[in-house]
Structures are given as structure tokens and as C-alpha cells.
Amino acid sequence: MPFIDLNSDVGESFGNWTMGDDAAVFRHVSSANVACGFHAGDPSTIAQTCRDAVAAGVTIGAHVGYRDLAGFGRRFLDCSATELADDVLYQLGALQALAKAAGSDVRYVKPHGALYNTIVHHEVHAQAVVDAVHAFSPGLPLLLLPGSVALHKAASRGLPALSEAFADRAYNPDGTLVSRREEGAVLHNNDVITGNMVRLATEGKIVARDGSILDVRADSICVHGDTAGAVAMAGAVRAGLEAAGVTVRSFA
């Protein structure tokens, strides 16, 4: 493919607690999944992240999640469809206000953590997320895991539905991500990671943890901002993509 987006989860610091080096990551990525305060991020952190993204020419997206600050949004919450839709809409409104003040807008939505993984298969929560995004802006793209229920529901509702791959995560043979509870779920070898992502962008293939080859169509590649060495990883992936003739630019 001639181009691909490179995104990272940012804005996840809270008060005196720092998560990642967002400003440094912005030198390498084209899109920023900005925390909206429910799984991470406080208003001042989010506002500064938006200002830094605008200064770096990076597209702002909403990284919405379950209302689970203590668990960093990595725990499933058995909430109703109405409650979840309201929570997502609330997060979108908050980020849009801060993005607007920084001179930009929310250009896409990418669910975070447990919410992202849940709506791969959970019909009710997938529909709630799609309904909330549609209510906020009928043309706002949703960035999701290939083959997810939410991806199909978004397309059915008329929302642009885009898929992504993960540079720093291991894949199961069925195309799902290896649980963070399992050893080897997070990858750290930049040479291996870069090779995987170049293969993805040029051939549409990813190697699963058992060595099998997966056919994966992705519009974007994610490097998690909280992964150790995220800045160097993002730089290595971008350099590898560009060396292979792939342009890095935002899909939004």
C-alpha cells in the first residue's frame, strides 16, 4: 500500500503521575489516540497533549474507554447500553472542547483497552459505542480490530470503519491479540517489530505467535505509548516503513 497511518495512545498521565513521553512520540506518529479522562488523563494533561499534537501536526483522535480510572480501563464493566453510550458521548464532548481550544478537532475514535477488546465480540456494547459516535458526529471514523463486531456495526450505521494492527503486541492464530496476562504478549525487539510492520504494510500479512501467517488488512499501525521504549520503537517502525517506500500519514 502507498501509505499507512501510525498511531499511539497518549495523554495518559494523571496529576503527578507520568505515563510515556508524548511529545517525543509525536515526532514519529501521524495520529494521537488521546485519553479522555475515564481510563486515564486529567484535564490539564489532555489539554497539553492536544496542544502538543497540534504543534507537531499530528491528528487528534478520542481514546474512549470504560469508566475505570483505577484499572486503567483494562477491566470489563457490565454496564447497560445506555450507560455506556452516555459515557462514550461524554468523553467525546470533553476531548472535543480541549481539542478545539488547541486549534483542532476530534477526527476519529479508537476505543481503549477492555472496551476495545470487548466490542470485538460483544454485540450490545459494540452497538452502544457505534450509537454514541454516530450521535456525536455521523461521519466520524472508528478505528477497530479487523473482523470485530463493532467494525461491521459501524459500517452498517454509515460510519467510516477502519482497522488497525499493533506493532508491539503478539497475535493469536485467530487474529486476536494475545492477552496481556500471558507471557510474550508485548513485543520489545524493534528489529522484529519493524519487520512485521513492513510486511503488514507491503504484503498485508502478520506472523502469529505460533508462526502461522495471518492475512490482515490495516489502515493504521499502533505503537502503545506506555510500552517500554515506545519512542525508539515508533521511530524504528516509521523509518522501516519509509525505507520500504510506504508513506506514513493520518487516515483522518
C-alpha atoms as a PDB file:
ATOM      1  CA  MET A   1       0.000   0.000   0.000  1.00  0.00           C
ATOM      2  CA  PRO A   2       1.311   3.537  -0.735  1.00  0.00           C
ATOM      3  CA  PHE A   3       0.610   4.922   2.749  1.00  0.00           C
ATOM      4  CA  ILE A   4      -0.386   3.898   6.236  1.00  0.00           C
ATOM      5  CA  ASP A   5      -1.210   5.693   9.469  1.00  0.00           C
ATOM      6  CA  LEU A   6       0.961   5.323  12.585  1.00  0.00           C
ATOM      7  CA  ASN A   7      -0.883   5.976  15.849  1.00  0.00           C
ATOM      8  CA  SER A   8      -0.075   5.976  19.559  1.00  0.00           C
ATOM      9  CA  ASP A   9      -2.041   6.127  22.818  1.00  0.00           C
ATOM     10  CA  VAL A  10      -1.217   9.401  24.569  1.00  0.00           C
ATOM     11  CA  GLY A  11      -2.462  11.826  27.223  1.00  0.00           C
ATOM     12  CA  GLU A  12      -2.488   9.049  29.816  1.00  0.00           C
ATOM     13  CA  SER A  13      -0.595  10.819  32.591  1.00  0.00           C
ATOM     14  CA  PHE A  14      -2.604  11.810  35.652  1.00  0.00           C
ATOM     15  CA  GLY A  15      -1.717  14.525  38.166  1.00  0.00           C
ATOM     16  CA  ASN A  16       1.859  13.963  39.333  1.00  0.00           C
ATOM     17  CA  TRP A  17       1.962  10.513  37.726  1.00  0.00           C
ATOM     18  CA  THR A  18       3.600  10.416  34.276  1.00  0.00           C
ATOM     19  CA  MET A  19       2.859   7.856  31.583  1.00  0.00           C
ATOM     20  CA  GLY A  20       5.010   7.848  28.446  1.00  0.00           C
ATOM     21  CA  ASP A  21       6.764  10.674  26.593  1.00  0.00           C
ATOM     22  CA  ASP A  22       4.025  12.007  24.356  1.00  0.00           C
ATOM     23  CA  ALA A  23       5.933  14.970  22.936  1.00  0.00           C
ATOM     24  CA  ALA A  24       8.749  12.670  21.797  1.00  0.00           C
ATOM     25  CA  VAL A  25       6.325  10.125  20.314  1.00  0.00           C
ATOM     26  CA  PHE A  26       4.734  12.916  18.270  1.00  0.00           C
ATOM     27  CA  ARG A  27       7.966  13.189  16.261  1.00  0.00           C
ATOM     28  CA  HIS A  28       7.206   9.814  14.699  1.00  0.00           C
ATOM     29  CA  VAL A  29       3.446   9.185  14.584  1.00  0.00           C
ATOM     30  CA  SER A  30       0.714  10.692  12.420  1.00  0.00           C
ATOM     31  CA  SER A  31      -2.283  10.167  14.742  1.00  0.00           C
ATOM     32  CA  ALA A  32      -2.759  10.522  18.508  1.00  0.00           C
ATOM     33  CA  ASN A  33      -5.292   8.479  20.473  1.00  0.00           C
ATOM     34  CA  VAL A  34      -5.841  10.959  23.303  1.00  0.00           C
ATOM     35  CA  ALA A  35      -7.194   9.685  26.639  1.00  0.00           C
ATOM     36  CA  CYS A  36     -10.492  11.277  27.598  1.00  0.00           C
ATOM     37  CA  GLY A  37     -10.319  11.107  31.391  1.00  0.00           C
ATOM     38  CA  PHE A  38     -12.195   7.869  32.066  1.00  0.00           C
ATOM     39  CA  HIS A  39      -9.325   5.368  31.899  1.00  0.00           C
ATOM     40  CA  ALA A  40      -6.515   7.921  32.222  1.00  0.00           C
ATOM     41  CA  GLY A  41      -5.716  11.604  31.806  1.00  0.00           C
ATOM     42  CA  ASP A  42      -6.751  14.723  33.686  1.00  0.00           C
ATOM     43  CA  PRO A  43      -7.997  17.947  32.038  1.00  0.00           C
ATOM     44  CA  SER A  44      -4.639  19.741  32.094  1.00  0.00           C
ATOM     45  CA  THR A  45      -2.776  16.695  30.778  1.00  0.00           C
ATOM     46  CA  ILE A  46      -5.300  16.208  27.999  1.00  0.00           C
ATOM     47  CA  ALA A  47      -5.244  19.897  27.067  1.00  0.00           C
ATOM     48  CA  GLN A  48      -1.437  19.949  26.885  1.00  0.00           C
ATOM     49  CA  THR A  49      -1.442  16.753  24.838  1.00  0.00           C
ATOM     50  CA  CYS A  50      -3.814  18.383  22.350  1.00  0.00           C
ATOM     51  CA  ARG A  51      -1.606  21.471  22.122  1.00  0.00           C
ATOM     52  CA  ASP A  52       1.479  19.314  21.558  1.00  0.00           C
ATOM     53  CA  ALA A  53      -0.295  17.268  18.902  1.00  0.00           C
ATOM     54  CA  VAL A  54      -1.387  20.382  17.028  1.00  0.00           C
ATOM     55  CA  ALA A  55       2.136  21.824  17.196  1.00  0.00           C
ATOM     56  CA  ALA A  56       3.545  18.586  15.781  1.00  0.00           C
ATOM     57  CA  GLY A  57       0.931  18.326  13.025  1.00  0.00           C
ATOM     58  CA  VAL A  58      -0.494  15.112  14.484  1.00  0.00           C
ATOM     59  CA  THR A  59      -4.185  14.243  14.074  1.00  0.00           C
ATOM     60  CA  ILE A  60      -6.234  14.028  17.291  1.00  0.00           C
ATOM     61  CA  GLY A  61      -8.469  11.029  17.941  1.00  0.00           C
ATOM     62  CA  ALA A  62     -10.562  10.165  21.002  1.00  0.00           C
ATOM     63  CA  HIS A  63      -9.346   7.195  23.046  1.00  0.00           C
ATOM     64  CA  VAL A  64     -12.595   6.425  24.851  1.00  0.00           C
ATOM     65  CA  GLY A  65     -12.832   3.705  27.475  1.00  0.00           C
ATOM     66  CA  TYR A  66     -14.788   2.187  30.309  1.00  0.00           C
ATOM     67  CA  ARG A  67     -15.134   4.397  33.388  1.00  0.00           C
ATOM     68  CA  ASP A  68     -12.274   2.617  35.170  1.00  0.00           C
ATOM     69  CA  LEU A  69      -9.543   5.016  36.263  1.00  0.00           C
ATOM     70  CA  ALA A  70      -8.241   2.651  38.950  1.00  0.00           C
ATOM     71  CA  GLY A  71      -7.902  -0.237  36.495  1.00  0.00           C
ATOM     72  CA  PHE A  72      -6.579   1.866  33.605  1.00  0.00           C
ATOM     73  CA  GLY A  73      -9.596   0.819  31.573  1.00  0.00           C
ATOM     74  CA  ARG A  74      -8.375  -2.757  31.277  1.00  0.00           C
ATOM     75  CA  ARG A  75     -11.312  -4.338  33.114  1.00  0.00           C
ATOM     76  CA  PHE A  76     -14.676  -5.199  31.570  1.00  0.00           C
ATOM     77  CA  LEU A  77     -17.584  -3.254  33.070  1.00  0.00           C
ATOM     78  CA  ASP A  78     -21.005  -4.864  32.820  1.00  0.00           C
ATOM     79  CA  CYS A  79     -22.868  -1.594  32.248  1.00  0.00           C
ATOM     80  CA  SER A  80     -26.048  -1.088  30.265  1.00  0.00           C
ATOM     81  CA  ALA A  81     -26.022   0.001  26.651  1.00  0.00           C
ATOM     82  CA  THR A  82     -27.476   3.377  27.617  1.00  0.00           C
ATOM     83  CA  GLU A  83     -24.877   3.995  30.320  1.00  0.00           C
ATOM     84  CA  LEU A  84     -22.005   3.030  28.025  1.00  0.00           C
ATOM     85  CA  ALA A  85     -23.296   5.179  25.161  1.00  0.00           C
ATOM     86  CA  ASP A  86     -23.661   8.140  27.524  1.00  0.00           C
ATOM     87  CA  ASP A  87     -20.129   7.591  28.871  1.00  0.00           C
ATOM     88  CA  VAL A  88     -18.648   7.488  25.373  1.00  0.00           C
ATOM     89  CA  LEU A  89     -20.555  10.587  24.301  1.00  0.00           C
ATOM     90  CA  TYR A  90     -19.412  12.416  27.451  1.00  0.00           C
ATOM     91  CA  GLN A  91     -15.783  11.585  26.715  1.00  0.00           C
ATOM     92  CA  LEU A  92     -16.091  12.729  23.107  1.00  0.00           C
ATOM     93  CA  GLY A  93     -17.559  16.061  24.189  1.00  0.00           C
ATOM     94  CA  ALA A  94     -14.824  16.649  26.748  1.00  0.00           C
ATOM     95  CA  LEU A  95     -11.993  15.930  24.329  1.00  0.00           C
ATOM     96  CA  GLN A  96     -13.599  17.977  21.554  1.00  0.00           C
ATOM     97  CA  ALA A  97     -13.694  21.027  23.844  1.00  0.00           C
ATOM     98  CA  LEU A  98      -9.996  20.713  24.677  1.00  0.00           C
ATOM     99  CA  ALA A  99      -9.011  19.893  21.088  1.00  0.00           C
ATOM    100  CA  LYS A 100     -10.983  22.904  19.838  1.00  0.00           C
ATOM    101  CA  ALA A 101      -9.216  25.179  22.311  1.00  0.00           C
ATOM    102  CA  ALA A 102      -5.895  23.872  20.975  1.00  0.00           C
ATOM    103  CA  GLY A 103      -6.895  24.685  17.394  1.00  0.00           C
ATOM    104  CA  SER A 104      -8.075  21.297  16.159  1.00  0.00           C
ATOM    105  CA  ASP A 105     -10.962  18.818  16.413  1.00  0.00           C
ATOM    106  CA  VAL A 106     -11.538  15.178  17.232  1.00  0.00           C
ATOM    107  CA  ARG A 107     -11.063  13.475  13.860  1.00  0.00           C
ATOM    108  CA  TYR A 108     -11.640   9.811  14.752  1.00  0.00           C
ATOM    109  CA  VAL A 109     -12.445   7.463  17.663  1.00  0.00           C
ATOM    110  CA  LYS A 110     -10.464   4.481  18.912  1.00  0.00           C
ATOM    111  CA  PRO A 111     -11.787   2.626  21.979  1.00  0.00           C
ATOM    112  CA  HIS A 112      -9.263   1.772  24.692  1.00  0.00           C
ATOM    113  CA  GLY A 113      -8.251  -1.414  26.466  1.00  0.00           C
ATOM    114  CA  ALA A 114     -11.071  -3.629  27.693  1.00  0.00           C
ATOM    115  CA  LEU A 115     -13.673  -1.694  25.724  1.00  0.00           C
ATOM    116  CA  TYR A 116     -11.679  -2.144  22.507  1.00  0.00           C
ATOM    117  CA  ASN A 117     -11.362  -5.893  23.063  1.00  0.00           C
ATOM    118  CA  THR A 118     -14.920  -6.357  24.332  1.00  0.00           C
ATOM    119  CA  ILE A 119     -16.562  -4.861  21.242  1.00  0.00           C
ATOM    120  CA  VAL A 120     -14.734  -7.335  19.062  1.00  0.00           C
ATOM    121  CA  HIS A 121     -17.463  -9.798  20.066  1.00  0.00           C
ATOM    122  CA  HIS A 122     -19.956  -8.085  22.464  1.00  0.00           C
ATOM    123  CA  GLU A 123     -22.991  -7.122  20.383  1.00  0.00           C
ATOM    124  CA  VAL A 124     -24.624  -4.811  22.945  1.00  0.00           C
ATOM    125  CA  HIS A 125     -21.542  -2.809  23.877  1.00  0.00           C
ATOM    126  CA  ALA A 126     -20.424  -2.626  20.246  1.00  0.00           C
ATOM    127  CA  GLN A 127     -23.772  -1.112  19.283  1.00  0.00           C
ATOM    128  CA  ALA A 128     -23.615   1.330  22.200  1.00  0.00           C
ATOM    129  CA  VAL A 129     -20.221   2.641  21.076  1.00  0.00           C
ATOM    130  CA  VAL A 130     -21.376   2.972  17.470  1.00  0.00           C
ATOM    131  CA  ASP A 131     -24.567   4.753  18.548  1.00  0.00           C
ATOM    132  CA  ALA A 132     -22.628   7.222  20.699  1.00  0.00           C
ATOM    133  CA  VAL A 133     -20.142   8.054  17.950  1.00  0.00           C
ATOM    134  CA  HIS A 134     -22.942   8.462  15.415  1.00  0.00           C
ATOM    135  CA  ALA A 135     -24.804  10.770  17.794  1.00  0.00           C
ATOM    136  CA  PHE A 136     -21.683  12.894  18.221  1.00  0.00           C
ATOM    137  CA  SER A 137     -20.791  13.068  14.528  1.00  0.00           C
ATOM    138  CA  PRO A 138     -22.295  10.792  11.837  1.00  0.00           C
ATOM    139  CA  GLY A 139     -19.148  10.947   9.711  1.00  0.00           C
ATOM    140  CA  LEU A 140     -16.554  10.300  12.426  1.00  0.00           C
ATOM    141  CA  PRO A 141     -14.317   7.276  11.664  1.00  0.00           C
ATOM    142  CA  LEU A 142     -13.969   4.412  14.134  1.00  0.00           C
ATOM    143  CA  LEU A 143     -10.619   2.620  14.390  1.00  0.00           C
ATOM    144  CA  LEU A 144     -11.041  -1.022  15.448  1.00  0.00           C
ATOM    145  CA  LEU A 145      -9.599  -4.529  15.306  1.00  0.00           C
ATOM    146  CA  PRO A 146     -10.148  -6.292  11.951  1.00  0.00           C
ATOM    147  CA  GLY A 147     -13.118  -8.637  11.994  1.00  0.00           C
ATOM    148  CA  SER A 148     -14.699  -7.109  15.082  1.00  0.00           C
ATOM    149  CA  VAL A 149     -18.448  -6.898  15.580  1.00  0.00           C
ATOM    150  CA  ALA A 150     -18.125  -3.153  16.115  1.00  0.00           C
ATOM    151  CA  LEU A 151     -16.415  -2.741  12.745  1.00  0.00           C
ATOM    152  CA  HIS A 152     -19.397  -4.293  10.962  1.00  0.00           C
ATOM    153  CA  LYS A 153     -21.910  -2.338  13.048  1.00  0.00           C
ATOM    154  CA  ALA A 154     -20.108   0.919  12.281  1.00  0.00           C
ATOM    155  CA  ALA A 155     -20.169   0.216   8.567  1.00  0.00           C
ATOM    156  CA  SER A 156     -23.866  -0.699   8.752  1.00  0.00           C
ATOM    157  CA  ARG A 157     -24.611   2.615  10.506  1.00  0.00           C
ATOM    158  CA  GLY A 158     -22.734   4.574   7.846  1.00  0.00           C
ATOM    159  CA  LEU A 159     -19.674   5.405   9.948  1.00  0.00           C
ATOM    160  CA  PRO A 160     -16.283   5.086   8.265  1.00  0.00           C
ATOM    161  CA  ALA A 161     -14.920   1.817   9.683  1.00  0.00           C
ATOM    162  CA  LEU A 162     -11.149   1.441   9.717  1.00  0.00           C
ATOM    163  CA  SER A 163      -8.979  -1.379  11.001  1.00  0.00           C
ATOM    164  CA  GLU A 164      -5.590  -1.402  12.689  1.00  0.00           C
ATOM    165  CA  ALA A 165      -2.680  -3.625  13.574  1.00  0.00           C
ATOM    166  CA  PHE A 166      -0.470  -3.492  16.654  1.00  0.00           C
ATOM    167  CA  ALA A 167       3.283  -3.184  16.333  1.00  0.00           C
ATOM    168  CA  ASP A 168       4.075  -4.112  19.931  1.00  0.00           C
ATOM    169  CA  ARG A 169       1.551  -6.909  20.531  1.00  0.00           C
ATOM    170  CA  ALA A 170       1.651 -10.615  19.766  1.00  0.00           C
ATOM    171  CA  TYR A 171      -1.207 -12.174  17.784  1.00  0.00           C
ATOM    172  CA  ASN A 172      -3.084 -15.417  18.299  1.00  0.00           C
ATOM    173  CA  PRO A 173      -3.629 -17.659  15.248  1.00  0.00           C
ATOM    174  CA  ASP A 174      -7.258 -16.451  15.058  1.00  0.00           C
ATOM    175  CA  GLY A 175      -6.154 -12.828  14.630  1.00  0.00           C
ATOM    176  CA  THR A 176      -6.970 -11.685  18.165  1.00  0.00           C
ATOM    177  CA  LEU A 177      -4.357 -10.131  20.443  1.00  0.00           C
ATOM    178  CA  VAL A 178      -2.574 -12.308  22.994  1.00  0.00           C
ATOM    179  CA  SER A 179      -3.844 -11.354  26.455  1.00  0.00           C
ATOM    180  CA  ARG A 180      -1.554  -9.088  28.454  1.00  0.00           C
ATOM    181  CA  ARG A 181      -1.854 -11.656  31.240  1.00  0.00           C
ATOM    182  CA  GLU A 182       0.204 -14.090  29.140  1.00  0.00           C
ATOM    183  CA  GLU A 183       3.974 -14.077  28.783  1.00  0.00           C
ATOM    184  CA  GLY A 184       5.152 -12.673  25.468  1.00  0.00           C
ATOM    185  CA  ALA A 185       2.014 -10.636  24.834  1.00  0.00           C
ATOM    186  CA  VAL A 186       4.023  -7.414  24.479  1.00  0.00           C
ATOM    187  CA  LEU A 187       6.883  -7.312  21.964  1.00  0.00           C
ATOM    188  CA  HIS A 188      10.095  -5.347  22.546  1.00  0.00           C
ATOM    189  CA  ASN A 189      12.567  -6.299  19.781  1.00  0.00           C
ATOM    190  CA  ASN A 190      12.483  -3.322  17.407  1.00  0.00           C
ATOM    191  CA  ASP A 191      14.047  -5.241  14.519  1.00  0.00           C
ATOM    192  CA  VAL A 192      11.367  -7.942  14.732  1.00  0.00           C
ATOM    193  CA  ILE A 193       8.610  -5.372  15.225  1.00  0.00           C
ATOM    194  CA  THR A 194       9.743  -3.275  12.266  1.00  0.00           C
ATOM    195  CA  GLY A 195       9.993  -6.316  10.023  1.00  0.00           C
ATOM    196  CA  ASN A 196       6.484  -7.362  10.999  1.00  0.00           C
ATOM    197  CA  MET A 197       5.025  -3.929  10.265  1.00  0.00           C
ATOM    198  CA  VAL A 198       6.798  -3.550   6.927  1.00  0.00           C
ATOM    199  CA  ARG A 199       5.413  -6.962   5.936  1.00  0.00           C
ATOM    200  CA  LEU A 200       1.964  -5.829   7.049  1.00  0.00           C
ATOM    201  CA  ALA A 201       2.078  -2.588   5.073  1.00  0.00           C
ATOM    202  CA  THR A 202       3.522  -4.111   1.900  1.00  0.00           C
ATOM    203  CA  GLU A 203       2.013  -7.613   1.893  1.00  0.00           C
ATOM    204  CA  GLY A 204      -0.951  -7.462   4.282  1.00  0.00           C
ATOM    205  CA  LYS A 205       0.452 -10.235   6.464  1.00  0.00           C
ATOM    206  CA  ILE A 206       1.406 -10.682  10.139  1.00  0.00           C
ATOM    207  CA  VAL A 207       3.165 -13.606  11.808  1.00  0.00           C
ATOM    208  CA  ALA A 208       1.151 -15.066  14.715  1.00  0.00           C
ATOM    209  CA  ARG A 209       2.779 -16.346  17.913  1.00  0.00           C
ATOM    210  CA  ASP A 210       2.708 -19.943  16.622  1.00  0.00           C
ATOM    211  CA  GLY A 211       4.469 -18.971  13.400  1.00  0.00           C
ATOM    212  CA  SER A 212       1.373 -19.092  11.219  1.00  0.00           C
ATOM    213  CA  ILE A 213       0.814 -16.289   8.707  1.00  0.00           C
ATOM    214  CA  LEU A 214      -2.278 -14.123   9.091  1.00  0.00           C
ATOM    215  CA  ASP A 215      -3.841 -12.061   6.325  1.00  0.00           C
ATOM    216  CA  VAL A 216      -4.506  -8.683   7.939  1.00  0.00           C
ATOM    217  CA  ARG A 217      -5.794  -5.528   6.274  1.00  0.00           C
ATOM    218  CA  ALA A 218      -4.906  -2.472   8.337  1.00  0.00           C
ATOM    219  CA  ASP A 219      -5.346   1.251   7.762  1.00  0.00           C
ATOM    220  CA  SER A 220      -3.247   2.117  10.796  1.00  0.00           C
ATOM    221  CA  ILE A 221      -0.460   0.726  12.993  1.00  0.00           C
ATOM    222  CA  CYS A 222      -0.472   1.304  16.752  1.00  0.00           C
ATOM    223  CA  VAL A 223       2.554   1.710  18.997  1.00  0.00           C
ATOM    224  CA  HIS A 224       1.355   1.898  22.599  1.00  0.00           C
ATOM    225  CA  GLY A 225       2.717   4.979  24.339  1.00  0.00           C
ATOM    226  CA  ASP A 226       3.033   3.114  27.642  1.00  0.00           C
ATOM    227  CA  THR A 227       5.178   0.309  26.224  1.00  0.00           C
ATOM    228  CA  ALA A 228       8.798   0.451  27.395  1.00  0.00           C
ATOM    229  CA  GLY A 229      10.916   2.110  24.699  1.00  0.00           C
ATOM    230  CA  ALA A 230       7.867   3.381  22.822  1.00  0.00           C
ATOM    231  CA  VAL A 231       9.647   6.402  21.352  1.00  0.00           C
ATOM    232  CA  ALA A 232      12.504   4.351  19.883  1.00  0.00           C
ATOM    233  CA  MET A 233      10.006   1.741  18.684  1.00  0.00           C
ATOM    234  CA  ALA A 234       7.843   4.297  16.895  1.00  0.00           C
ATOM    235  CA  GLY A 235      10.935   5.820  15.285  1.00  0.00           C
ATOM    236  CA  ALA A 236      12.180   2.412  14.131  1.00  0.00           C
ATOM    237  CA  VAL A 237       8.810   1.444  12.672  1.00  0.00           C
ATOM    238  CA  ARG A 238       8.445   4.734  10.814  1.00  0.00           C
ATOM    239  CA  ALA A 239      11.991   4.546   9.450  1.00  0.00           C
ATOM    240  CA  GLY A 240      11.425   0.966   8.314  1.00  0.00           C
ATOM    241  CA  LEU A 241       8.161   1.811   6.594  1.00  0.00           C
ATOM    242  CA  GLU A 242       9.608   4.799   4.789  1.00  0.00           C
ATOM    243  CA  ALA A 243      12.684   2.789   3.716  1.00  0.00           C
ATOM    244  CA  ALA A 244      10.271   0.275   2.175  1.00  0.00           C
ATOM    245  CA  GLY A 245       8.543   3.046   0.205  1.00  0.00           C
ATOM    246  CA  VAL A 246       5.497   3.360   2.466  1.00  0.00           C
ATOM    247  CA  THR A 247       4.384   6.911   3.318  1.00  0.00           C
ATOM    248  CA  VAL A 248       3.270   7.498   6.898  1.00  0.00           C
ATOM    249  CA  ARG A 249       0.242   9.801   7.113  1.00  0.00           C
ATOM    250  CA  SER A 250      -3.006  10.035   9.004  1.00  0.00           C
ATOM    251  CA  PHE A 251      -6.067   8.312   7.600  1.00  0.00           C
ATOM    252  CA  ALA A 252      -8.185  11.140   9.069  1.00  0.00           C
END
